């Protein structure tokens, strides 16, 4: 069984944090955006998993279309919670 550190290190999907005062309302606007795998609320910010780092442009365009052109997008390292959410989503997709 892998340690938490090993689980986090094995998570290679690009992850960004979106900071915006309306972050709580932005996650639904990202559903179906090309390149966006998942968007989860972490406090007052979103953690968004992308298919490739280059998809930040699609994400920025989607945020602007949702009324948040001034959202700040920052690449981040995954937390153990990010890894947990990704593994749950993968298990659910495999079971479907």
PDB file of N, CA and C in Angstrom:
ATOM      1  N   UNK A   1       0.847  -1.181   0.000  1.00  0.00           N
ATOM      2  CA  UNK A   1       0.000   0.000   0.000  1.00  0.00           C
ATOM      3  C   UNK A   1       0.891   1.243   0.000  1.00  0.00           C
ATOM      4  N   UNK A   2       0.517   2.213  -0.777  1.00  0.00           N
ATOM      5  CA  UNK A   2       1.315   3.433  -0.928  1.00  0.00           C
ATOM      6  C   UNK A   2       1.131   4.363   0.268  1.00  0.00           C
ATOM      7  N   UNK A   3       2.167   5.116   0.555  1.00  0.00           N
ATOM      8  CA  UNK A   3       2.081   6.128   1.604  1.00  0.00           C
ATOM      9  C   UNK A   3       1.397   7.368   1.033  1.00  0.00           C
ATOM     10  N   UNK A   4       0.903   8.260   1.902  1.00  0.00           N
ATOM     11  CA  UNK A   4       0.309   9.500   1.389  1.00  0.00           C
ATOM     12  C   UNK A   4       1.263  10.267   0.474  1.00  0.00           C
ATOM     13  N   UNK A   5       2.508  10.333   0.840  1.00  0.00           N
ATOM     14  CA  UNK A   5       3.494  11.047   0.014  1.00  0.00           C
ATOM     15  C   UNK A   5       3.622  10.394  -1.359  1.00  0.00           C
ATOM     16  N   UNK A   6       3.622   9.068  -1.403  1.00  0.00           N
ATOM     17  CA  UNK A   6       3.713   8.352  -2.680  1.00  0.00           C
ATOM     18  C   UNK A   6       2.462   8.567  -3.529  1.00  0.00           C
ATOM     19  N   UNK A   7       1.303   8.587  -2.890  1.00  0.00           N
ATOM     20  CA  UNK A   7       0.060   8.836  -3.619  1.00  0.00           C
ATOM     21  C   UNK A   7       0.076  10.212  -4.271  1.00  0.00           C
ATOM     22  N   UNK A   8       0.503  11.212  -3.510  1.00  0.00           N
ATOM     23  CA  UNK A   8       0.560  12.579  -4.041  1.00  0.00           C
ATOM     24  C   UNK A   8       1.584  12.663  -5.166  1.00  0.00           C
ATOM     25  N   UNK A   9       2.735  12.041  -4.986  1.00  0.00           N
ATOM     26  CA  UNK A   9       3.783  12.089  -6.011  1.00  0.00           C
ATOM     27  C   UNK A   9       3.343  11.403  -7.302  1.00  0.00           C
ATOM     28  N   UNK A  10       2.493  10.401  -7.189  1.00  0.00           N
ATOM     29  CA  UNK A  10       2.036   9.666  -8.371  1.00  0.00           C
ATOM     30  C   UNK A  10       0.939  10.395  -9.134  1.00  0.00           C
ATOM     31  N   UNK A  11       0.367  11.419  -8.533  1.00  0.00           N
ATOM     32  CA  UNK A  11      -0.720  12.179  -9.175  1.00  0.00           C
ATOM     33  C   UNK A  11      -0.091  13.189 -10.135  1.00  0.00           C
ATOM     34  N   UNK A  12      -0.184  12.916 -11.422  1.00  0.00           N
ATOM     35  CA  UNK A  12       0.520  13.747 -12.404  1.00  0.00           C
ATOM     36  C   UNK A  12      -0.384  14.666 -13.213  1.00  0.00           C
ATOM     37  N   UNK A  13      -1.685  14.599 -13.001  1.00  0.00           N
ATOM     38  CA  UNK A  13      -2.592  15.464 -13.765  1.00  0.00           C
ATOM     39  C   UNK A  13      -2.332  16.927 -13.408  1.00  0.00           C
ATOM     40  N   UNK A  14      -2.322  17.812 -14.404  1.00  0.00           N
ATOM     41  CA  UNK A  14      -2.119  19.232 -14.123  1.00  0.00           C
ATOM     42  C   UNK A  14      -3.237  19.764 -13.222  1.00  0.00           C
ATOM     43  N   UNK A  15      -2.855  20.544 -12.232  1.00  0.00           N
ATOM     44  CA  UNK A  15      -3.803  21.079 -11.266  1.00  0.00           C
ATOM     45  C   UNK A  15      -3.559  22.572 -11.097  1.00  0.00           C
ATOM     46  N   UNK A  16      -4.639  23.344 -11.133  1.00  0.00           N
ATOM     47  CA  UNK A  16      -4.538  24.784 -10.913  1.00  0.00           C
ATOM     48  C   UNK A  16      -5.526  25.202  -9.837  1.00  0.00           C
ATOM     49  N   UNK A  17      -5.209  26.313  -9.220  1.00  0.00           N
ATOM     50  CA  UNK A  17      -6.115  26.920  -8.249  1.00  0.00           C
ATOM     51  C   UNK A  17      -6.704  28.170  -8.886  1.00  0.00           C
ATOM     52  N   UNK A  18      -8.005  28.346  -8.724  1.00  0.00           N
ATOM     53  CA  UNK A  18      -8.689  29.526  -9.238  1.00  0.00           C
ATOM     54  C   UNK A  18      -9.140  30.356  -8.050  1.00  0.00           C
ATOM     55  N   UNK A  19      -8.648  31.577  -7.989  1.00  0.00           N
ATOM     56  CA  UNK A  19      -9.034  32.498  -6.926  1.00  0.00           C
ATOM     57  C   UNK A  19      -9.921  33.587  -7.515  1.00  0.00           C
ATOM     58  N   UNK A  20     -11.088  33.742  -6.924  1.00  0.00           N
ATOM     59  CA  UNK A  20     -12.039  34.769  -7.351  1.00  0.00           C
ATOM     60  C   UNK A  20     -13.092  34.895  -6.259  1.00  0.00           C
ATOM     61  N   UNK A  21     -13.599  36.107  -6.000  1.00  0.00           N
ATOM     62  CA  UNK A  21     -14.624  36.257  -4.966  1.00  0.00           C
ATOM     63  C   UNK A  21     -15.860  35.380  -5.195  1.00  0.00           C
ATOM     64  N   UNK A  22     -16.153  35.051  -6.443  1.00  0.00           N
ATOM     65  CA  UNK A  22     -17.334  34.237  -6.753  1.00  0.00           C
ATOM     66  C   UNK A  22     -16.971  32.776  -7.017  1.00  0.00           C
ATOM     67  N   UNK A  23     -15.856  32.315  -6.471  1.00  0.00           N
ATOM     68  CA  UNK A  23     -15.393  30.951  -6.749  1.00  0.00           C
ATOM     69  C   UNK A  23     -16.465  29.911  -6.455  1.00  0.00           C
ATOM     70  N   UNK A  24     -17.248  30.124  -5.425  1.00  0.00           N
ATOM     71  CA  UNK A  24     -18.276  29.138  -5.053  1.00  0.00           C
ATOM     72  C   UNK A  24     -19.295  28.918  -6.161  1.00  0.00           C
ATOM     73  N   UNK A  25     -19.506  29.905  -7.003  1.00  0.00           N
ATOM     74  CA  UNK A  25     -20.520  29.780  -8.054  1.00  0.00           C
ATOM     75  C   UNK A  25     -19.930  29.415  -9.416  1.00  0.00           C
ATOM     76  N   UNK A  26     -18.621  29.339  -9.514  1.00  0.00           N
ATOM     77  CA  UNK A  26     -17.978  29.115 -10.812  1.00  0.00           C
ATOM     78  C   UNK A  26     -17.840  27.648 -11.213  1.00  0.00           C
ATOM     79  N   UNK A  27     -17.791  26.739 -10.259  1.00  0.00           N
ATOM     80  CA  UNK A  27     -17.576  25.323 -10.591  1.00  0.00           C
ATOM     81  C   UNK A  27     -18.588  24.790 -11.603  1.00  0.00           C
ATOM     82  N   UNK A  28     -19.889  25.061 -11.454  1.00  0.00           N
ATOM     83  CA  UNK A  28     -20.839  24.542 -12.450  1.00  0.00           C
ATOM     84  C   UNK A  28     -20.577  25.069 -13.864  1.00  0.00           C
ATOM     85  N   UNK A  29     -20.050  26.279 -13.975  1.00  0.00           N
ATOM     86  CA  UNK A  29     -19.773  26.858 -15.292  1.00  0.00           C
ATOM     87  C   UNK A  29     -18.621  26.146 -15.995  1.00  0.00           C
ATOM     88  N   UNK A  30     -17.844  25.375 -15.249  1.00  0.00           N
ATOM     89  CA  UNK A  30     -16.690  24.692 -15.834  1.00  0.00           C
ATOM     90  C   UNK A  30     -17.023  23.283 -16.313  1.00  0.00           C
ATOM     91  N   UNK A  31     -18.204  22.796 -15.972  1.00  0.00           N
ATOM     92  CA  UNK A  31     -18.613  21.459 -16.418  1.00  0.00           C
ATOM     93  C   UNK A  31     -18.703  21.441 -17.942  1.00  0.00           C
ATOM     94  N   UNK A  32     -18.058  20.498 -18.547  1.00  0.00           N
ATOM     95  CA  UNK A  32     -18.098  20.371 -20.000  1.00  0.00           C
ATOM     96  C   UNK A  32     -17.102  21.228 -20.756  1.00  0.00           C
ATOM     97  N   UNK A  33     -16.312  22.023 -20.048  1.00  0.00           N
ATOM     98  CA  UNK A  33     -15.299  22.846 -20.718  1.00  0.00           C
ATOM     99  C   UNK A  33     -14.181  21.923 -21.210  1.00  0.00           C
ATOM    100  N   UNK A  34     -13.817  22.004 -22.487  1.00  0.00           N
ATOM    101  CA  UNK A  34     -12.744  21.147 -22.997  1.00  0.00           C
ATOM    102  C   UNK A  34     -11.466  21.308 -22.175  1.00  0.00           C
ATOM    103  N   UNK A  35     -10.908  20.191 -21.772  1.00  0.00           N
ATOM    104  CA  UNK A  35      -9.670  20.215 -21.006  1.00  0.00           C
ATOM    105  C   UNK A  35      -9.849  20.242 -19.508  1.00  0.00           C
ATOM    106  N   UNK A  36     -11.064  20.505 -19.034  1.00  0.00           N
ATOM    107  CA  UNK A  36     -11.327  20.520 -17.594  1.00  0.00           C
ATOM    108  C   UNK A  36     -11.849  19.145 -17.192  1.00  0.00           C
ATOM    109  N   UNK A  37     -11.109  18.472 -16.334  1.00  0.00           N
ATOM    110  CA  UNK A  37     -11.492  17.143 -15.860  1.00  0.00           C
ATOM    111  C   UNK A  37     -12.426  17.259 -14.667  1.00  0.00           C
ATOM    112  N   UNK A  38     -12.088  18.153 -13.728  1.00  0.00           N
ATOM    113  CA  UNK A  38     -12.882  18.309 -12.508  1.00  0.00           C
ATOM    114  C   UNK A  38     -12.599  19.664 -11.891  1.00  0.00           C
ATOM    115  N   UNK A  39     -13.580  20.162 -11.147  1.00  0.00           N
ATOM    116  CA  UNK A  39     -13.419  21.410 -10.395  1.00  0.00           C
ATOM    117  C   UNK A  39     -14.047  21.206  -9.026  1.00  0.00           C
ATOM    118  N   UNK A  40     -13.248  21.414  -7.975  1.00  0.00           N
ATOM    119  CA  UNK A  40     -13.716  21.206  -6.606  1.00  0.00           C
ATOM    120  C   UNK A  40     -13.435  22.450  -5.774  1.00  0.00           C
ATOM    121  N   UNK A  41     -14.370  22.767  -4.920  1.00  0.00           N
ATOM    122  CA  UNK A  41     -14.218  23.910  -4.032  1.00  0.00           C
ATOM    123  C   UNK A  41     -13.323  23.536  -2.856  1.00  0.00           C
ATOM    124  N   UNK A  42     -12.315  24.339  -2.615  1.00  0.00           N
ATOM    125  CA  UNK A  42     -11.425  24.200  -1.474  1.00  0.00           C
ATOM    126  C   UNK A  42     -11.460  25.525  -0.729  1.00  0.00           C
ATOM    127  N   UNK A  43     -12.284  25.622   0.295  1.00  0.00           N
ATOM    128  CA  UNK A  43     -12.446  26.885   1.002  1.00  0.00           C
ATOM    129  C   UNK A  43     -13.089  27.900   0.079  1.00  0.00           C
ATOM    130  N   UNK A  44     -12.406  29.005  -0.179  1.00  0.00           N
ATOM    131  CA  UNK A  44     -12.950  30.046  -1.055  1.00  0.00           C
ATOM    132  C   UNK A  44     -12.289  30.034  -2.436  1.00  0.00           C
ATOM    133  N   UNK A  45     -11.667  28.919  -2.789  1.00  0.00           N
ATOM    134  CA  UNK A  45     -10.985  28.779  -4.080  1.00  0.00           C
ATOM    135  C   UNK A  45     -11.376  27.464  -4.735  1.00  0.00           C
ATOM    136  N   UNK A  46     -11.142  27.385  -6.024  1.00  0.00           N
ATOM    137  CA  UNK A  46     -11.387  26.145  -6.759  1.00  0.00           C
ATOM    138  C   UNK A  46     -10.063  25.469  -7.080  1.00  0.00           C
ATOM    139  N   UNK A  47     -10.047  24.157  -6.997  1.00  0.00           N
ATOM    140  CA  UNK A  47      -8.942  23.367  -7.525  1.00  0.00           C
ATOM    141  C   UNK A  47      -9.482  22.717  -8.785  1.00  0.00           C
ATOM    142  N   UNK A  48      -8.828  22.975  -9.898  1.00  0.00           N
ATOM    143  CA  UNK A  48      -9.301  22.500 -11.195  1.00  0.00           C
ATOM    144  C   UNK A  48      -8.244  21.573 -11.795  1.00  0.00           C
ATOM    145  N   UNK A  49      -8.665  20.353 -12.099  1.00  0.00           N
ATOM    146  CA  UNK A  49      -7.791  19.380 -12.748  1.00  0.00           C
ATOM    147  C   UNK A  49      -7.977  19.509 -14.253  1.00  0.00           C
ATOM    148  N   UNK A  50      -6.855  19.589 -14.961  1.00  0.00           N
ATOM    149  CA  UNK A  50      -6.865  19.752 -16.414  1.00  0.00           C
ATOM    150  C   UNK A  50      -6.312  18.503 -17.096  1.00  0.00           C
ATOM    151  N   UNK A  51      -6.654  18.320 -18.358  1.00  0.00           N
ATOM    152  CA  UNK A  51      -6.089  17.199 -19.105  1.00  0.00           C
ATOM    153  C   UNK A  51      -4.632  17.463 -19.473  1.00  0.00           C
ATOM    154  N   UNK A  52      -4.313  18.734 -19.761  1.00  0.00           N
ATOM    155  CA  UNK A  52      -2.954  19.147 -20.118  1.00  0.00           C
ATOM    156  C   UNK A  52      -2.737  20.557 -19.587  1.00  0.00           C
ATOM    157  N   UNK A  53      -1.510  20.935 -19.275  1.00  0.00           N
ATOM    158  CA  UNK A  53      -1.253  22.296 -18.798  1.00  0.00           C
ATOM    159  C   UNK A  53      -1.724  23.372 -19.781  1.00  0.00           C
ATOM    160  N   UNK A  54      -1.683  23.074 -21.081  1.00  0.00           N
ATOM    161  CA  UNK A  54      -2.081  24.050 -22.096  1.00  0.00           C
ATOM    162  C   UNK A  54      -3.562  24.417 -22.010  1.00  0.00           C
ATOM    163  N   UNK A  55      -4.337  23.635 -21.299  1.00  0.00           N
ATOM    164  CA  UNK A  55      -5.777  23.890 -21.194  1.00  0.00           C
ATOM    165  C   UNK A  55      -6.102  25.076 -20.286  1.00  0.00           C
ATOM    166  N   UNK A  56      -5.087  25.684 -19.692  1.00  0.00           N
ATOM    167  CA  UNK A  56      -5.330  26.881 -18.880  1.00  0.00           C
ATOM    168  C   UNK A  56      -6.009  27.967 -19.713  1.00  0.00           C
ATOM    169  N   UNK A  57      -5.718  28.027 -21.001  1.00  0.00           N
ATOM    170  CA  UNK A  57      -6.354  29.034 -21.867  1.00  0.00           C
ATOM    171  C   UNK A  57      -7.852  28.790 -21.966  1.00  0.00           C
ATOM    172  N   UNK A  58      -8.250  27.534 -22.159  1.00  0.00           N
ATOM    173  CA  UNK A  58      -9.678  27.196 -22.212  1.00  0.00           C
ATOM    174  C   UNK A  58     -10.345  27.519 -20.886  1.00  0.00           C
ATOM    175  N   UNK A  59      -9.646  27.224 -19.803  1.00  0.00           N
ATOM    176  CA  UNK A  59     -10.176  27.518 -18.471  1.00  0.00           C
ATOM    177  C   UNK A  59     -10.373  29.019 -18.293  1.00  0.00           C
ATOM    178  N   UNK A  60      -9.382  29.813 -18.674  1.00  0.00           N
ATOM    179  CA  UNK A  60      -9.491  31.268 -18.545  1.00  0.00           C
ATOM    180  C   UNK A  60     -10.646  31.806 -19.377  1.00  0.00           C
ATOM    181  N   UNK A  61     -10.820  31.282 -20.581  1.00  0.00           N
ATOM    182  CA  UNK A  61     -11.926  31.719 -21.440  1.00  0.00           C
ATOM    183  C   UNK A  61     -13.269  31.355 -20.823  1.00  0.00           C
ATOM    184  N   UNK A  62     -13.365  30.158 -20.252  1.00  0.00           N
ATOM    185  CA  UNK A  62     -14.617  29.736 -19.614  1.00  0.00           C
ATOM    186  C   UNK A  62     -14.924  30.589 -18.390  1.00  0.00           C
ATOM    187  N   UNK A  63     -13.900  30.923 -17.626  1.00  0.00           N
ATOM    188  CA  UNK A  63     -14.102  31.783 -16.457  1.00  0.00           C
ATOM    189  C   UNK A  63     -14.553  33.173 -16.881  1.00  0.00           C
ATOM    190  N   UNK A  64     -13.957  33.701 -17.937  1.00  0.00           N
ATOM    191  CA  UNK A  64     -14.366  35.016 -18.441  1.00  0.00           C
ATOM    192  C   UNK A  64     -15.814  34.975 -18.910  1.00  0.00           C
ATOM    193  N   UNK A  65     -16.196  33.914 -19.619  1.00  0.00           N
ATOM    194  CA  UNK A  65     -17.576  33.778 -20.097  1.00  0.00           C
ATOM    195  C   UNK A  65     -18.560  33.647 -18.941  1.00  0.00           C
ATOM    196  N   UNK A  66     -18.081  33.133 -17.806  1.00  0.00           N
ATOM    197  CA  UNK A  66     -18.934  32.974 -16.626  1.00  0.00           C
ATOM    198  C   UNK A  66     -18.966  34.234 -15.763  1.00  0.00           C
ATOM    199  N   UNK A  67     -18.323  35.305 -16.239  1.00  0.00           N
ATOM    200  CA  UNK A  67     -18.350  36.567 -15.507  1.00  0.00           C
ATOM    201  C   UNK A  67     -17.184  36.780 -14.570  1.00  0.00           C
ATOM    202  N   UNK A  68     -16.122  35.989 -14.740  1.00  0.00           N
ATOM    203  CA  UNK A  68     -14.953  36.121 -13.870  1.00  0.00           C
ATOM    204  C   UNK A  68     -13.674  36.298 -14.688  1.00  0.00           C
ATOM    205  N   UNK A  69     -13.616  37.362 -15.516  1.00  0.00           N
ATOM    206  CA  UNK A  69     -12.416  37.551 -16.335  1.00  0.00           C
ATOM    207  C   UNK A  69     -11.175  37.880 -15.508  1.00  0.00           C
ATOM    208  N   UNK A  70     -11.386  38.312 -14.266  1.00  0.00           N
ATOM    209  CA  UNK A  70     -10.275  38.681 -13.396  1.00  0.00           C
ATOM    210  C   UNK A  70      -9.867  37.554 -12.444  1.00  0.00           C
ATOM    211  N   UNK A  71     -10.373  36.350 -12.670  1.00  0.00           N
ATOM    212  CA  UNK A  71      -9.983  35.213 -11.834  1.00  0.00           C
ATOM    213  C   UNK A  71      -8.481  34.971 -11.981  1.00  0.00           C
ATOM    214  N   UNK A  72      -7.848  34.631 -10.874  1.00  0.00           N
ATOM    215  CA  UNK A  72      -6.411  34.363 -10.869  1.00  0.00           C
ATOM    216  C   UNK A  72      -6.206  32.850 -10.910  1.00  0.00           C
ATOM    217  N   UNK A  73      -5.477  32.395 -11.929  1.00  0.00           N
ATOM    218  CA  UNK A  73      -5.208  30.966 -12.119  1.00  0.00           C
ATOM    219  C   UNK A  73      -3.739  30.720 -11.795  1.00  0.00           C
ATOM    220  N   UNK A  74      -3.499  29.794 -10.852  1.00  0.00           N
ATOM    221  CA  UNK A  74      -2.143  29.483 -10.415  1.00  0.00           C
ATOM    222  C   UNK A  74      -1.933  27.974 -10.437  1.00  0.00           C
ATOM    223  N   UNK A  75      -0.845  27.528 -11.045  1.00  0.00           N
ATOM    224  CA  UNK A  75      -0.518  26.098 -11.004  1.00  0.00           C
ATOM    225  C   UNK A  75      -0.116  25.733  -9.580  1.00  0.00           C
ATOM    226  N   UNK A  76      -0.633  24.591  -9.110  1.00  0.00           N
ATOM    227  CA  UNK A  76      -0.333  24.148  -7.750  1.00  0.00           C
ATOM    228  C   UNK A  76       0.009  22.657  -7.742  1.00  0.00           C
ATOM    229  N   UNK A  77       0.647  22.243  -6.672  1.00  0.00           N
ATOM    230  CA  UNK A  77       0.894  20.818  -6.437  1.00  0.00           C
ATOM    231  C   UNK A  77      -0.355  20.230  -5.787  1.00  0.00           C
ATOM    232  N   UNK A  78      -0.661  18.981  -6.072  1.00  0.00           N
ATOM    233  CA  UNK A  78      -1.855  18.383  -5.479  1.00  0.00           C
ATOM    234  C   UNK A  78      -1.687  18.126  -3.988  1.00  0.00           C
ATOM    235  N   UNK A  79      -2.791  18.238  -3.281  1.00  0.00           N
ATOM    236  CA  UNK A  79      -2.832  17.841  -1.877  1.00  0.00           C
ATOM    237  C   UNK A  79      -3.340  16.405  -1.817  1.00  0.00           C
ATOM    238  N   UNK A  80      -3.286  15.810  -0.650  1.00  0.00           N
ATOM    239  CA  UNK A  80      -3.820  14.460  -0.499  1.00  0.00           C
ATOM    240  C   UNK A  80      -5.319  14.453  -0.787  1.00  0.00           C
ATOM    241  N   UNK A  81      -6.014  15.520  -0.444  1.00  0.00           N
ATOM    242  CA  UNK A  81      -7.445  15.601  -0.736  1.00  0.00           C
ATOM    243  C   UNK A  81      -7.698  15.638  -2.247  1.00  0.00           C
ATOM    244  N   UNK A  82      -6.878  16.362  -2.993  1.00  0.00           N
ATOM    245  CA  UNK A  82      -7.006  16.366  -4.456  1.00  0.00           C
ATOM    246  C   UNK A  82      -6.863  14.945  -5.009  1.00  0.00           C
ATOM    247  N   UNK A  83      -5.878  14.224  -4.504  1.00  0.00           N
ATOM    248  CA  UNK A  83      -5.632  12.855  -4.958  1.00  0.00           C
ATOM    249  C   UNK A  83      -6.822  11.963  -4.607  1.00  0.00           C
ATOM    250  N   UNK A  84      -7.341  12.106  -3.403  1.00  0.00           N
ATOM    251  CA  UNK A  84      -8.496  11.317  -2.971  1.00  0.00           C
ATOM    252  C   UNK A  84      -9.686  11.554  -3.900  1.00  0.00           C
ATOM    253  N   UNK A  85      -9.985  12.812  -4.188  1.00  0.00           N
ATOM    254  CA  UNK A  85     -11.115  13.126  -5.066  1.00  0.00           C
ATOM    255  C   UNK A  85     -10.909  12.552  -6.468  1.00  0.00           C
ATOM    256  N   UNK A  86      -9.695  12.627  -6.976  1.00  0.00           N
ATOM    257  CA  UNK A  86      -9.405  12.081  -8.305  1.00  0.00           C
ATOM    258  C   UNK A  86      -9.562  10.564  -8.317  1.00  0.00           C
ATOM    259  N   UNK A  87      -9.115   9.903  -7.263  1.00  0.00           N
ATOM    260  CA  UNK A  87      -9.229   8.439  -7.203  1.00  0.00           C
ATOM    261  C   UNK A  87     -10.682   7.998  -7.069  1.00  0.00           C
ATOM    262  N   UNK A  88     -11.469   8.727  -6.303  1.00  0.00           N
ATOM    263  CA  UNK A  88     -12.896   8.409  -6.174  1.00  0.00           C
ATOM    264  C   UNK A  88     -13.575   8.558  -7.536  1.00  0.00           C
ATOM    265  N   UNK A  89     -13.285   9.653  -8.240  1.00  0.00           N
ATOM    266  CA  UNK A  89     -13.888   9.876  -9.561  1.00  0.00           C
ATOM    267  C   UNK A  89     -13.485   8.767 -10.536  1.00  0.00           C
ATOM    268  N   UNK A  90     -12.225   8.354 -10.501  1.00  0.00           N
ATOM    269  CA  UNK A  90     -11.761   7.292 -11.393  1.00  0.00           C
ATOM    270  C   UNK A  90     -12.448   5.966 -11.067  1.00  0.00           C
ATOM    271  N   UNK A  91     -12.621   5.675  -9.788  1.00  0.00           N
ATOM    272  CA  UNK A  91     -13.289   4.433  -9.388  1.00  0.00           C
ATOM    273  C   UNK A  91     -14.755   4.442  -9.808  1.00  0.00           C
ATOM    274  N   UNK A  92     -15.416   5.592  -9.653  1.00  0.00           N
ATOM    275  CA  UNK A  92     -16.820   5.697 -10.067  1.00  0.00           C
ATOM    276  C   UNK A  92     -16.957   5.540 -11.579  1.00  0.00           C
ATOM    277  N   UNK A  93     -16.031   6.127 -12.327  1.00  0.00           N
ATOM    278  CA  UNK A  93     -16.074   6.012 -13.786  1.00  0.00           C
ATOM    279  C   UNK A  93     -15.836   4.565 -14.224  1.00  0.00           C
ATOM    280  N   UNK A  94     -14.946   3.881 -13.540  1.00  0.00           N
ATOM    281  CA  UNK A  94     -14.657   2.490 -13.882  1.00  0.00           C
ATOM    282  C   UNK A  94     -15.836   1.573 -13.562  1.00  0.00           C
ATOM    283  N   UNK A  95     -16.588   1.929 -12.526  1.00  0.00           N
ATOM    284  CA  UNK A  95     -17.731   1.109 -12.118  1.00  0.00           C
ATOM    285  C   UNK A  95     -18.963   1.348 -12.984  1.00  0.00           C
ATOM    286  N   UNK A  96     -18.982   2.461 -13.696  1.00  0.00           N
ATOM    287  CA  UNK A  96     -20.167   2.809 -14.505  1.00  0.00           C
ATOM    288  C   UNK A  96     -20.235   2.046 -15.805  1.00  0.00           C
TER     289      UNK A  96
END
